[in-house]
N, C-alpha and C. Protein backbone atom coordinates (compact mmCIF):
# COMPACT_ATOMS: atom_id res chain seq x y z
N MET A 1 26.32 34.34 -32.99
CA MET A 1 25.66 34.92 -31.62
C MET A 1 26.15 33.89 -30.58
N ARG A 2 26.50 34.58 -29.41
CA ARG A 2 26.76 33.40 -28.45
C ARG A 2 25.84 33.05 -27.65
N ALA A 3 25.75 31.97 -27.44
CA ALA A 3 24.74 31.29 -26.78
C ALA A 3 24.60 31.26 -25.15
N SER A 4 23.49 31.16 -24.78
CA SER A 4 23.31 31.52 -23.31
C SER A 4 23.09 30.04 -22.58
N ASP A 5 23.32 29.95 -21.18
CA ASP A 5 23.13 28.86 -20.54
C ASP A 5 21.77 27.95 -20.84
N ALA A 6 20.73 29.24 -20.67
CA ALA A 6 19.31 28.70 -20.87
C ALA A 6 18.90 28.22 -22.51
N GLU A 7 19.71 28.95 -23.32
CA GLU A 7 19.52 28.22 -24.69
C GLU A 7 20.23 27.05 -24.92
N ARG A 8 21.28 26.57 -24.25
CA ARG A 8 21.80 25.39 -24.22
C ARG A 8 20.73 24.34 -23.52
N GLU A 9 20.38 24.76 -22.31
CA GLU A 9 19.10 23.91 -21.82
C GLU A 9 18.34 23.65 -22.65
N ARG A 10 17.49 24.47 -23.46
CA ARG A 10 16.74 24.36 -24.08
C ARG A 10 16.80 23.15 -25.34
N ILE A 11 17.95 23.17 -25.93
CA ILE A 11 18.53 22.23 -26.76
C ILE A 11 18.69 21.04 -26.32
N ALA A 12 19.16 20.82 -24.75
CA ALA A 12 19.13 19.50 -24.25
C ALA A 12 17.75 19.20 -24.03
N GLU A 13 16.90 19.91 -23.73
CA GLU A 13 15.62 19.73 -23.31
C GLU A 13 14.73 18.73 -24.66
N ALA A 14 15.03 19.39 -25.86
CA ALA A 14 14.71 18.70 -27.06
C ALA A 14 15.30 17.49 -27.47
N LEU A 15 16.65 17.45 -27.02
CA LEU A 15 17.24 16.18 -27.20
C LEU A 15 16.60 15.11 -26.54
N ARG A 16 16.42 15.55 -24.99
CA ARG A 16 15.84 14.57 -24.26
C ARG A 16 14.41 13.88 -24.78
N GLU A 17 13.69 14.58 -25.39
CA GLU A 17 12.21 14.08 -25.93
C GLU A 17 12.83 13.40 -27.13
N ALA A 18 13.51 13.75 -27.82
CA ALA A 18 13.85 12.99 -29.23
C ALA A 18 13.81 11.55 -28.74
N VAL A 19 15.08 11.67 -27.63
CA VAL A 19 15.65 10.22 -27.39
C VAL A 19 14.25 9.39 -26.80
N ALA A 20 13.41 9.97 -26.00
CA ALA A 20 12.31 9.49 -25.47
C ALA A 20 11.41 8.87 -26.51
N GLU A 21 11.14 9.58 -27.32
CA GLU A 21 10.20 9.44 -28.60
C GLU A 21 10.72 8.42 -29.48
N GLY A 22 12.22 7.81 -29.37
CA GLY A 22 12.84 6.81 -30.30
C GLY A 22 13.45 7.64 -31.51
N ARG A 23 13.22 9.04 -31.71
CA ARG A 23 14.18 9.44 -32.96
C ARG A 23 15.71 9.59 -32.95
N LEU A 24 16.22 9.21 -31.46
CA LEU A 24 17.63 9.42 -31.50
C LEU A 24 17.88 8.15 -30.46
N THR A 25 19.20 7.44 -31.11
CA THR A 25 19.71 6.39 -30.43
C THR A 25 20.14 6.85 -29.09
N MET A 26 20.45 5.98 -28.23
CA MET A 26 21.01 6.67 -26.96
C MET A 26 22.73 7.33 -27.34
N GLU A 27 23.24 6.63 -28.30
CA GLU A 27 24.80 6.97 -28.63
C GLU A 27 24.75 8.29 -29.27
N GLU A 28 23.61 8.56 -30.08
CA GLU A 28 23.25 9.91 -30.47
C GLU A 28 23.26 10.97 -29.56
N PHE A 29 21.95 10.56 -28.86
CA PHE A 29 21.63 11.34 -27.60
C PHE A 29 22.93 11.79 -26.63
N GLU A 30 23.85 10.97 -26.27
CA GLU A 30 24.77 11.43 -25.51
C GLU A 30 25.79 12.24 -26.43
N GLU A 31 26.06 11.57 -27.95
CA GLU A 31 27.16 12.51 -28.54
C GLU A 31 26.49 14.15 -28.64
N ARG A 32 25.12 14.38 -28.92
CA ARG A 32 24.67 15.35 -29.22
C ARG A 32 24.61 16.23 -27.80
N LEU A 33 24.39 15.70 -26.96
CA LEU A 33 24.01 16.31 -25.51
C LEU A 33 25.36 16.84 -24.81
N GLU A 34 26.72 16.16 -25.38
CA GLU A 34 27.81 16.72 -24.74
C GLU A 34 28.16 17.71 -25.42
N ALA A 35 27.86 17.90 -26.86
CA ALA A 35 27.95 18.68 -27.89
C ALA A 35 27.11 20.09 -27.28
N ALA A 36 25.85 19.84 -26.79
CA ALA A 36 24.98 21.05 -26.64
C ALA A 36 25.61 21.86 -25.57
N TYR A 37 26.33 20.98 -24.61
CA TYR A 37 26.65 21.94 -23.35
C TYR A 37 27.98 22.27 -23.40
N LYS A 38 28.87 21.94 -24.43
CA LYS A 38 29.93 22.50 -24.67
C LYS A 38 29.97 23.75 -25.66
N ALA A 39 28.83 23.77 -26.58
CA ALA A 39 28.40 24.83 -27.25
C ALA A 39 28.45 26.21 -26.88
N ARG A 40 29.20 26.93 -27.73
CA ARG A 40 29.29 28.30 -27.37
C ARG A 40 28.49 29.57 -27.94
N THR A 41 27.90 29.25 -29.28
CA THR A 41 27.42 30.00 -30.13
C THR A 41 26.23 29.41 -30.78
N HIS A 42 25.04 30.04 -31.16
CA HIS A 42 24.25 29.40 -31.97
C HIS A 42 24.35 28.41 -33.01
N GLY A 43 25.60 28.98 -33.91
CA GLY A 43 25.87 28.01 -34.96
C GLY A 43 26.11 26.62 -34.36
N GLU A 44 26.70 26.53 -33.20
CA GLU A 44 26.83 25.24 -32.93
C GLU A 44 25.77 24.52 -32.12
N LEU A 45 24.73 25.29 -31.68
CA LEU A 45 23.64 24.52 -31.30
C LEU A 45 22.76 24.23 -32.59
N GLU A 46 22.31 24.82 -33.29
CA GLU A 46 21.17 24.64 -34.06
C GLU A 46 21.49 23.52 -35.08
N PRO A 47 22.74 23.10 -35.47
CA PRO A 47 22.49 21.70 -36.45
C PRO A 47 22.64 20.71 -35.24
N LEU A 48 22.51 20.61 -33.98
CA LEU A 48 22.24 19.56 -33.19
C LEU A 48 20.44 19.03 -33.35
N VAL A 49 19.68 20.17 -33.47
CA VAL A 49 18.34 19.71 -33.48
C VAL A 49 17.95 19.99 -34.79
N ARG A 50 18.43 20.27 -35.96
CA ARG A 50 18.20 20.65 -37.14
C ARG A 50 17.36 19.54 -37.80
N ASP A 51 17.45 18.24 -37.35
CA ASP A 51 16.80 17.30 -38.04
C ASP A 51 15.64 16.65 -37.25
N LEU A 52 15.14 17.45 -36.13
CA LEU A 52 14.32 17.10 -35.26
C LEU A 52 12.84 17.94 -35.15
N PRO A 53 11.72 17.29 -34.98
CA PRO A 53 10.71 18.11 -34.86
C PRO A 53 10.53 19.07 -34.06
N ALA A 54 9.72 20.23 -33.71
CA ALA A 54 9.57 21.00 -32.73
C ALA A 54 8.93 20.21 -31.66
N PRO A 55 9.09 20.40 -30.19
CA PRO A 55 8.47 19.80 -29.04
C PRO A 55 6.77 19.76 -29.33
N GLY A 56 6.05 18.82 -29.16
CA GLY A 56 4.89 18.86 -29.02
C GLY A 56 4.68 18.28 -30.40
N GLY A 57 5.06 17.79 -31.42
CA GLY A 57 4.77 17.41 -32.55
C GLY A 57 4.69 17.80 -33.77
N GLY A 58 5.29 19.17 -33.92
CA GLY A 58 5.05 20.10 -35.03
C GLY A 58 6.30 19.61 -35.91
N THR A 59 6.28 20.24 -37.23
CA THR A 59 7.25 19.84 -37.92
C THR A 59 8.57 20.87 -38.18
N ALA A 60 8.32 21.94 -37.35
CA ALA A 60 9.21 23.16 -37.52
C ALA A 60 10.54 22.77 -36.72
N ALA A 61 11.49 23.36 -37.05
CA ALA A 61 13.06 22.88 -36.34
C ALA A 61 12.94 23.44 -34.92
N VAL A 62 13.45 22.91 -34.19
CA VAL A 62 13.44 23.57 -32.58
C VAL A 62 13.81 24.91 -32.54
N SER A 63 13.12 25.61 -31.87
CA SER A 63 13.85 27.09 -31.66
C SER A 63 14.45 27.34 -30.43
N LEU A 64 15.23 28.35 -30.20
CA LEU A 64 16.00 28.73 -29.18
C LEU A 64 15.39 29.50 -28.19
N THR A 65 13.98 29.96 -28.37
CA THR A 65 13.16 30.57 -27.52
C THR A 65 12.60 29.50 -26.63
N LYS A 66 12.37 30.24 -25.31
CA LYS A 66 12.11 29.56 -24.16
C LYS A 66 10.78 28.76 -24.39
N ARG A 67 10.32 27.52 -24.38
CA ARG A 67 9.08 26.99 -24.42
C ARG A 67 8.57 26.61 -22.89
N ALA A 68 7.24 26.59 -22.85
CA ALA A 68 6.75 26.37 -21.50
C ALA A 68 6.91 24.95 -21.42
N GLY A 69 6.46 24.30 -20.25
CA GLY A 69 6.17 22.99 -19.92
C GLY A 69 7.60 22.05 -19.31
N ALA A 70 8.36 22.82 -19.23
CA ALA A 70 9.66 21.95 -18.34
C ALA A 70 9.74 22.53 -16.96
N VAL A 71 8.77 21.46 -16.30
CA VAL A 71 8.13 21.68 -15.26
C VAL A 71 8.77 20.65 -14.07
N ALA A 72 9.68 20.96 -13.18
CA ALA A 72 10.07 20.19 -12.10
C ALA A 72 8.69 20.04 -10.80
N PRO A 73 9.07 18.78 -10.09
CA PRO A 73 8.22 18.33 -8.97
C PRO A 73 7.67 19.58 -8.29
N GLY A 74 6.23 19.38 -8.35
CA GLY A 74 5.45 20.38 -7.72
C GLY A 74 5.26 21.34 -8.45
N GLY A 75 5.38 21.55 -9.71
CA GLY A 75 4.96 22.47 -10.89
C GLY A 75 5.75 23.80 -10.86
N GLN A 76 7.25 23.43 -10.30
CA GLN A 76 7.98 24.60 -10.41
C GLN A 76 9.05 24.31 -11.74
N ASP A 77 8.98 25.64 -12.53
CA ASP A 77 9.80 25.76 -13.71
C ASP A 77 11.39 25.05 -13.72
N TRP A 78 12.02 24.49 -14.25
CA TRP A 78 13.21 23.93 -13.82
C TRP A 78 14.08 25.01 -14.35
N ALA A 79 13.59 25.91 -15.24
CA ALA A 79 14.89 26.97 -15.55
C ALA A 79 14.98 28.10 -14.33
N GLU A 80 13.93 27.91 -13.72
CA GLU A 80 13.87 28.75 -12.07
C GLU A 80 15.07 28.32 -11.51
N ARG A 81 15.34 27.02 -11.32
CA ARG A 81 16.45 26.29 -10.48
C ARG A 81 17.63 26.28 -10.90
N ILE A 82 17.97 26.71 -12.32
CA ILE A 82 19.27 27.00 -12.75
C ILE A 82 19.92 28.22 -12.90
N GLY A 83 20.99 28.31 -12.26
CA GLY A 83 21.66 29.66 -12.22
C GLY A 83 20.88 30.45 -11.19
N GLY A 84 21.97 31.69 -10.95
CA GLY A 84 21.23 32.80 -9.87
C GLY A 84 21.54 32.25 -8.74
N GLY A 85 21.47 33.30 -7.81
CA GLY A 85 21.69 33.00 -6.39
C GLY A 85 23.10 32.57 -5.69
N PRO A 86 23.25 32.81 -4.62
CA PRO A 86 24.91 32.45 -4.25
C PRO A 86 25.18 30.82 -4.19
N VAL A 87 26.11 30.49 -4.63
CA VAL A 87 26.59 28.98 -4.71
C VAL A 87 26.93 28.65 -3.53
N SER A 88 26.66 27.44 -3.15
CA SER A 88 27.29 26.77 -1.90
C SER A 88 28.60 26.17 -1.88
N GLY A 89 29.33 26.11 -0.89
CA GLY A 89 30.81 25.74 -0.93
C GLY A 89 31.01 24.32 -1.67
N PRO A 90 32.12 24.40 -2.43
CA PRO A 90 32.21 22.90 -3.18
C PRO A 90 32.55 21.81 -2.67
N VAL A 91 32.89 21.78 -1.37
CA VAL A 91 33.47 20.66 -0.39
C VAL A 91 32.71 20.35 0.64
N ALA A 92 31.82 19.21 1.10
CA ALA A 92 31.43 18.99 2.28
C ALA A 92 32.23 17.80 2.97
N ILE A 93 32.41 17.62 4.08
CA ILE A 93 33.51 16.67 4.84
C ILE A 93 32.84 16.24 6.12
N GLY A 94 32.78 15.05 6.30
CA GLY A 94 32.59 14.23 7.38
C GLY A 94 33.59 13.36 7.89
N VAL A 95 34.33 13.77 8.88
CA VAL A 95 35.37 12.85 9.53
C VAL A 95 34.99 12.56 10.92
N MET A 96 34.64 11.26 11.19
CA MET A 96 34.06 10.61 12.45
C MET A 96 32.98 11.64 12.91
N GLY A 97 32.28 11.74 11.57
CA GLY A 97 31.16 12.54 12.15
C GLY A 97 30.34 12.80 10.84
N GLY A 98 29.43 13.93 10.75
CA GLY A 98 28.57 13.86 9.71
C GLY A 98 28.40 15.32 8.92
N PHE A 99 27.60 15.38 7.94
CA PHE A 99 27.56 16.69 7.36
C PHE A 99 26.01 16.21 6.20
N GLN A 100 25.58 17.35 6.04
CA GLN A 100 23.97 17.61 5.52
C GLN A 100 24.37 18.69 4.59
N ARG A 101 23.44 18.54 3.04
CA ARG A 101 23.22 19.59 2.38
C ARG A 101 21.69 19.06 2.20
N LYS A 102 20.82 19.92 2.42
CA LYS A 102 19.61 19.82 2.20
C LYS A 102 18.96 21.06 1.95
N GLY A 103 17.51 21.19 1.64
CA GLY A 103 16.91 22.45 1.71
C GLY A 103 17.09 23.09 0.07
N THR A 104 16.97 24.52 0.55
CA THR A 104 17.09 25.24 -0.91
C THR A 104 18.74 25.82 -1.27
N TRP A 105 19.58 24.65 -0.87
CA TRP A 105 20.89 24.94 -1.13
C TRP A 105 21.14 24.94 -2.81
N THR A 106 22.17 25.54 -3.03
CA THR A 106 22.86 25.82 -4.44
C THR A 106 23.93 24.77 -4.90
N VAL A 107 23.71 23.77 -5.71
CA VAL A 107 24.55 22.76 -6.12
C VAL A 107 25.72 23.53 -7.11
N PRO A 108 27.02 23.74 -6.61
CA PRO A 108 27.93 24.12 -7.61
C PRO A 108 28.39 23.35 -8.65
N ARG A 109 28.75 23.78 -9.88
CA ARG A 109 29.23 22.77 -11.17
C ARG A 109 29.99 21.78 -10.46
N ARG A 110 30.80 21.69 -9.63
CA ARG A 110 31.61 20.71 -9.41
C ARG A 110 31.53 20.55 -7.86
N PHE A 111 31.09 19.35 -7.31
CA PHE A 111 30.88 19.46 -5.75
C PHE A 111 31.44 18.19 -5.33
N THR A 112 32.34 18.20 -4.00
CA THR A 112 33.02 16.91 -3.60
C THR A 112 32.64 16.77 -2.28
N ALA A 113 32.08 15.32 -1.94
CA ALA A 113 31.66 15.00 -0.73
C ALA A 113 32.51 13.82 -0.23
N PHE A 114 33.13 14.09 1.09
CA PHE A 114 34.11 12.99 1.38
C PHE A 114 33.57 12.89 3.24
N ALA A 115 33.61 11.49 3.25
CA ALA A 115 33.47 11.03 4.65
C ALA A 115 34.33 9.80 4.96
N PHE A 116 34.96 9.96 6.18
CA PHE A 116 35.82 9.16 6.81
C PHE A 116 35.24 8.48 8.00
N TRP A 117 34.97 7.52 8.38
CA TRP A 117 34.41 6.93 9.61
C TRP A 117 33.29 7.74 9.84
N GLY A 118 32.25 8.13 9.22
CA GLY A 118 31.50 9.12 9.17
C GLY A 118 30.38 9.13 8.00
N GLY A 119 29.51 9.97 8.07
CA GLY A 119 28.27 9.84 7.06
C GLY A 119 27.97 11.37 6.49
N GLY A 120 27.11 11.12 5.31
CA GLY A 120 26.79 12.43 4.81
C GLY A 120 25.48 12.38 4.20
N GLU A 121 24.79 13.45 4.08
CA GLU A 121 23.78 13.33 3.34
C GLU A 121 23.25 14.61 2.40
N ILE A 122 23.21 14.17 1.14
CA ILE A 122 23.00 15.24 0.10
C ILE A 122 21.39 14.87 -0.66
N ASP A 123 20.74 16.16 -0.09
CA ASP A 123 19.57 16.08 -0.91
C ASP A 123 19.32 17.23 -1.86
N LEU A 124 18.93 16.60 -2.86
CA LEU A 124 18.66 17.76 -4.41
C LEU A 124 17.28 18.14 -4.70
N ARG A 125 16.57 17.49 -3.87
CA ARG A 125 14.97 17.89 -4.02
C ARG A 125 14.46 19.25 -4.25
N ASP A 126 15.14 19.91 -3.24
CA ASP A 126 14.85 21.35 -3.24
C ASP A 126 15.63 22.25 -3.77
N ALA A 127 16.89 21.64 -4.23
CA ALA A 127 18.19 22.61 -4.62
C ALA A 127 17.99 23.15 -5.86
N ARG A 128 18.87 24.21 -5.92
CA ARG A 128 19.09 24.84 -7.09
C ARG A 128 20.32 24.30 -7.58
N PHE A 129 20.70 24.70 -8.85
CA PHE A 129 21.92 24.30 -9.63
C PHE A 129 22.56 25.56 -10.37
N GLU A 130 23.44 25.66 -10.17
CA GLU A 130 24.54 26.59 -10.54
C GLU A 130 24.51 26.50 -12.01
N ASP A 131 24.60 25.36 -12.63
CA ASP A 131 24.70 25.34 -13.90
C ASP A 131 23.82 24.19 -14.78
N GLY A 132 23.43 23.93 -15.79
CA GLY A 132 22.52 22.96 -16.42
C GLY A 132 22.85 21.36 -16.13
N GLU A 133 24.47 21.48 -15.98
CA GLU A 133 25.16 20.24 -15.92
C GLU A 133 25.83 20.42 -14.61
N VAL A 134 26.08 19.57 -13.47
CA VAL A 134 26.88 19.38 -12.62
C VAL A 134 27.30 17.92 -12.25
N VAL A 135 28.48 18.14 -11.60
CA VAL A 135 29.22 16.65 -11.20
C VAL A 135 29.18 16.59 -9.77
N ILE A 136 28.82 15.73 -8.98
CA ILE A 136 28.83 15.26 -7.61
C ILE A 136 29.86 13.93 -7.64
N ARG A 137 30.94 14.37 -6.71
CA ARG A 137 31.84 13.59 -6.45
C ARG A 137 31.84 13.11 -4.83
N CYS A 138 31.20 11.78 -4.64
CA CYS A 138 31.21 11.26 -3.54
C CYS A 138 32.54 10.38 -3.16
N ILE A 139 33.29 10.23 -1.94
CA ILE A 139 34.02 9.48 -1.50
C ILE A 139 34.00 9.09 -0.18
N ALA A 140 33.66 7.99 -0.09
CA ALA A 140 33.20 7.15 1.31
C ALA A 140 34.23 6.33 1.77
N ILE A 141 34.92 6.31 2.68
CA ILE A 141 35.91 5.44 3.21
C ILE A 141 35.70 4.99 4.79
N MET A 142 35.17 3.45 4.92
CA MET A 142 34.84 3.17 6.27
C MET A 142 33.71 4.31 6.48
N GLY A 143 32.66 4.56 5.79
CA GLY A 143 31.87 5.40 6.24
C GLY A 143 30.47 5.62 5.21
N GLY A 144 29.30 6.13 4.94
CA GLY A 144 28.75 5.79 4.24
C GLY A 144 27.87 7.41 3.84
N MET A 145 27.47 7.32 2.88
CA MET A 145 26.73 8.66 2.32
C MET A 145 25.40 8.49 1.39
N GLN A 146 24.43 9.13 1.62
CA GLN A 146 23.05 8.97 0.73
C GLN A 146 22.75 10.14 0.07
N VAL A 147 22.48 9.97 -1.33
CA VAL A 147 22.24 11.03 -1.92
C VAL A 147 20.69 10.78 -2.34
N THR A 148 19.86 11.82 -2.41
CA THR A 148 18.61 11.60 -2.55
C THR A 148 18.27 12.97 -3.78
N VAL A 149 17.70 12.28 -4.65
CA VAL A 149 17.27 13.15 -5.93
C VAL A 149 15.53 13.22 -6.30
N PRO A 150 15.06 14.13 -6.87
CA PRO A 150 13.61 14.14 -7.50
C PRO A 150 13.26 12.92 -8.51
N PRO A 151 12.29 12.48 -8.69
CA PRO A 151 11.84 11.74 -9.59
C PRO A 151 12.34 12.01 -10.88
N ASP A 152 12.20 13.64 -10.99
CA ASP A 152 12.08 14.29 -12.63
C ASP A 152 13.66 14.68 -12.71
N LEU A 153 14.59 14.14 -12.26
CA LEU A 153 16.00 14.80 -12.44
C LEU A 153 16.56 13.92 -13.37
N ASP A 154 17.59 14.38 -14.29
CA ASP A 154 18.25 13.74 -15.12
C ASP A 154 19.81 13.22 -14.36
N VAL A 155 19.73 12.09 -13.91
CA VAL A 155 20.82 11.59 -12.93
C VAL A 155 21.53 10.38 -13.65
N HIS A 156 22.89 10.56 -13.85
CA HIS A 156 23.66 9.42 -14.21
C HIS A 156 24.77 9.03 -13.30
N VAL A 157 24.71 7.97 -12.53
CA VAL A 157 25.52 7.74 -11.42
C VAL A 157 26.81 6.56 -11.96
N GLY A 158 27.69 7.00 -11.58
CA GLY A 158 29.21 6.08 -12.51
C GLY A 158 30.29 5.95 -11.27
N GLY A 159 29.94 5.77 -10.12
CA GLY A 159 30.96 5.39 -8.66
C GLY A 159 31.34 3.93 -8.91
N VAL A 160 32.56 3.79 -8.06
CA VAL A 160 32.83 2.42 -7.83
C VAL A 160 32.95 2.06 -6.35
N GLY A 161 32.88 0.94 -6.15
CA GLY A 161 32.76 0.15 -4.72
C GLY A 161 33.99 -0.82 -4.56
N ILE A 162 34.68 -0.83 -3.65
CA ILE A 162 35.82 -1.59 -3.25
C ILE A 162 35.65 -1.90 -1.93
N MET A 163 35.09 -3.26 -1.86
CA MET A 163 34.86 -3.77 -0.35
C MET A 163 33.78 -2.80 -0.05
N GLY A 164 33.19 -2.49 -0.87
CA GLY A 164 31.84 -1.63 -0.45
C GLY A 164 30.66 -1.58 -1.70
N GLY A 165 29.89 -0.71 -1.67
CA GLY A 165 29.03 -0.57 -2.82
C GLY A 165 28.81 0.91 -3.15
N PHE A 166 28.44 1.21 -4.36
CA PHE A 166 28.03 2.28 -4.87
C PHE A 166 26.82 2.06 -5.97
N ASP A 167 25.63 2.73 -5.54
CA ASP A 167 24.45 2.21 -5.78
C ASP A 167 24.15 3.12 -7.21
N ASP A 168 23.93 2.57 -8.24
CA ASP A 168 23.45 3.09 -9.55
C ASP A 168 22.23 3.08 -9.87
N LYS A 169 21.24 2.46 -9.09
CA LYS A 169 19.71 2.11 -9.63
C LYS A 169 19.26 3.42 -10.00
N ALA A 170 19.47 4.59 -9.59
CA ALA A 170 18.53 5.75 -9.74
C ALA A 170 19.28 6.60 -11.05
N SER A 171 20.13 5.94 -11.84
CA SER A 171 20.58 6.59 -12.91
C SER A 171 19.21 6.59 -13.94
N GLY A 172 19.18 7.76 -14.74
CA GLY A 172 17.92 7.82 -15.69
C GLY A 172 17.87 9.13 -16.14
N PRO A 173 16.97 9.32 -17.15
CA PRO A 173 16.64 10.53 -17.90
C PRO A 173 15.72 11.55 -17.00
N GLY A 174 15.56 12.62 -17.02
CA GLY A 174 14.50 13.38 -16.36
C GLY A 174 13.68 13.94 -17.23
N THR A 175 12.63 14.85 -16.66
CA THR A 175 11.89 15.57 -17.56
C THR A 175 12.63 16.53 -18.48
N PRO A 176 11.75 16.97 -19.09
CA PRO A 176 12.46 18.25 -20.38
C PRO A 176 12.86 19.27 -19.32
N GLY A 177 14.06 19.87 -19.84
CA GLY A 177 14.48 21.22 -19.08
C GLY A 177 15.19 20.52 -17.88
N SER A 178 15.14 19.56 -17.37
CA SER A 178 15.75 19.34 -16.13
C SER A 178 17.34 19.29 -16.05
N PRO A 179 18.16 19.80 -15.15
CA PRO A 179 19.55 19.85 -15.16
C PRO A 179 19.90 18.41 -15.27
N ARG A 180 21.41 18.09 -15.71
CA ARG A 180 21.94 16.69 -15.63
C ARG A 180 23.02 16.53 -14.59
N VAL A 181 22.79 15.73 -13.57
CA VAL A 181 23.50 15.41 -12.55
C VAL A 181 24.48 14.09 -12.76
N ARG A 182 25.48 14.29 -12.60
CA ARG A 182 26.46 13.20 -12.58
C ARG A 182 27.06 13.05 -11.51
N ILE A 183 26.78 11.75 -10.64
CA ILE A 183 27.36 11.25 -9.43
C ILE A 183 28.64 10.13 -9.42
N THR A 184 29.40 10.59 -9.36
CA THR A 184 30.74 9.63 -9.46
C THR A 184 31.61 9.64 -7.97
N GLY A 185 32.36 9.04 -8.06
CA GLY A 185 33.59 8.73 -6.75
C GLY A 185 33.87 7.36 -6.74
N PHE A 186 34.03 7.06 -5.44
CA PHE A 186 34.42 5.57 -4.98
C PHE A 186 33.91 5.28 -3.53
N ALA A 187 33.61 4.17 -3.10
CA ALA A 187 33.69 3.76 -1.77
C ALA A 187 34.35 2.65 -1.55
N PHE A 188 35.23 2.80 -0.26
CA PHE A 188 36.21 1.81 0.20
C PHE A 188 35.78 1.62 1.68
N TRP A 189 35.14 0.08 1.79
CA TRP A 189 34.57 -0.32 3.14
C TRP A 189 33.58 0.79 3.64
N GLY A 190 32.93 1.21 2.53
CA GLY A 190 31.72 2.00 3.15
C GLY A 190 30.68 1.69 1.91
N GLY A 191 29.64 2.84 1.86
CA GLY A 191 28.79 2.66 0.61
C GLY A 191 28.23 4.16 0.27
N VAL A 192 27.90 4.37 -0.97
CA VAL A 192 27.28 5.35 -1.30
C VAL A 192 25.61 4.78 -1.71
N GLY A 193 24.66 5.63 -1.44
CA GLY A 193 23.77 5.09 -1.70
C GLY A 193 22.88 6.53 -2.79
N VAL A 194 22.04 6.19 -3.92
CA VAL A 194 21.30 7.08 -4.52
C VAL A 194 19.98 6.75 -4.57
N ASP A 195 18.80 7.49 -4.29
CA ASP A 195 17.61 7.19 -4.22
C ASP A 195 16.71 8.32 -4.81
N ARG A 196 15.64 7.81 -5.56
CA ARG A 196 14.59 8.99 -6.40
C ARG A 196 13.63 8.92 -5.22
N LYS A 197 13.22 9.81 -4.76
CA LYS A 197 12.06 10.29 -3.77
C LYS A 197 11.44 11.53 -3.91
N GLU A 198 10.02 11.66 -3.90
CA GLU A 198 9.50 12.93 -4.01
C GLU A 198 9.73 13.74 -2.59
N THR A 199 9.47 14.83 -2.31
CA THR A 199 9.51 15.63 -1.15
C THR A 199 8.13 15.25 -0.39
N LYS A 200 8.06 15.71 0.58
CA LYS A 200 7.06 15.33 1.54
C LYS A 200 5.53 16.12 1.16
N ALA A 201 6.14 17.55 0.62
CA ALA A 201 5.00 18.27 0.09
C ALA A 201 4.52 17.70 -1.09
N GLU A 202 5.26 17.16 -2.13
CA GLU A 202 4.84 16.32 -3.41
C GLU A 202 4.13 15.26 -3.22
N ARG A 203 4.65 14.41 -1.99
CA ARG A 203 3.69 13.30 -1.66
C ARG A 203 2.18 13.57 -1.21
N ARG A 204 1.93 14.74 -0.48
CA ARG A 204 0.90 15.36 -0.02
C ARG A 204 -0.04 15.57 -1.04
N ARG A 205 0.68 16.25 -2.20
CA ARG A 205 -0.06 16.92 -3.46
C ARG A 205 -0.57 15.60 -4.12
N LEU A 206 0.26 14.79 -4.41
CA LEU A 206 -0.20 13.64 -5.04
C LEU A 206 -1.26 12.84 -4.39
N ARG A 207 -1.27 12.66 -2.87
CA ARG A 207 -2.49 11.88 -2.53
C ARG A 207 -3.67 12.67 -2.56
N GLU A 208 -3.49 14.00 -2.48
CA GLU A 208 -4.68 14.90 -2.59
C GLU A 208 -5.22 14.78 -4.02
N GLU A 209 -4.22 14.86 -5.20
CA GLU A 209 -4.81 14.71 -6.04
C GLU A 209 -5.64 13.16 -6.63
N ARG A 210 -5.05 11.98 -5.73
CA ARG A 210 -5.44 10.97 -6.19
C ARG A 210 -7.10 10.74 -5.32
N ARG A 211 -6.94 11.64 -4.18
CA ARG A 211 -8.05 11.36 -3.38
C ARG A 211 -9.44 12.23 -4.20
N LYS A 212 -9.04 13.19 -4.78
CA LYS A 212 -10.16 14.28 -5.71
C LYS A 212 -10.35 13.39 -6.91
N SER A 213 -9.62 12.57 -7.41
CA SER A 213 -10.02 11.80 -8.55
C SER A 213 -11.08 10.89 -8.19
N LEU A 214 -11.06 10.50 -7.02
CA LEU A 214 -11.72 9.33 -6.58
C LEU A 214 -13.50 9.90 -6.22
N GLN A 215 -13.41 10.85 -6.21
CA GLN A 215 -14.50 11.60 -5.69
C GLN A 215 -15.84 11.68 -6.55
């Protein structure tokens, strides 16, 4: 049977939990995750988790049915933010000026941002994602670009700085069910920064939770 995007994402979620628990090495995790996103049938997906327990500590193999708990910042299910809706344009350009992509925009599978003598802002905290894995290519020439991602997003930064900087400190795994975002490209006499930050609404929610816990 043909596999859906949601089923591929549930297998990816199980693999992220397994590597976090020490059941898989990082090399095994990377190999299986890549195979999961390339899989087209259930027969290709099921062997990737056959030797892993069910999420939550059970002993059965991981199922391809949806599991509760893949929650994004603010209590939103990640699955609700993957697929569906109109996709934003695949290119953003700032030449002696700037551009912004923020709010509830939809990140395409392949997105290219270019800044020349200018700047750009890419904010993924409230974004939707066309697919479970997206690639953002940032090119900054004598300019700057800032990418802001939520703390729970799976992010892998691999850009190059030439007489400039390409910040990779935000690289790291996300919560179960998170889309995987690859940020690549290069900066020449410029810079690309990638930061993890909560939204203002999420910061207010966390402050309120801390206040209640102290009462």
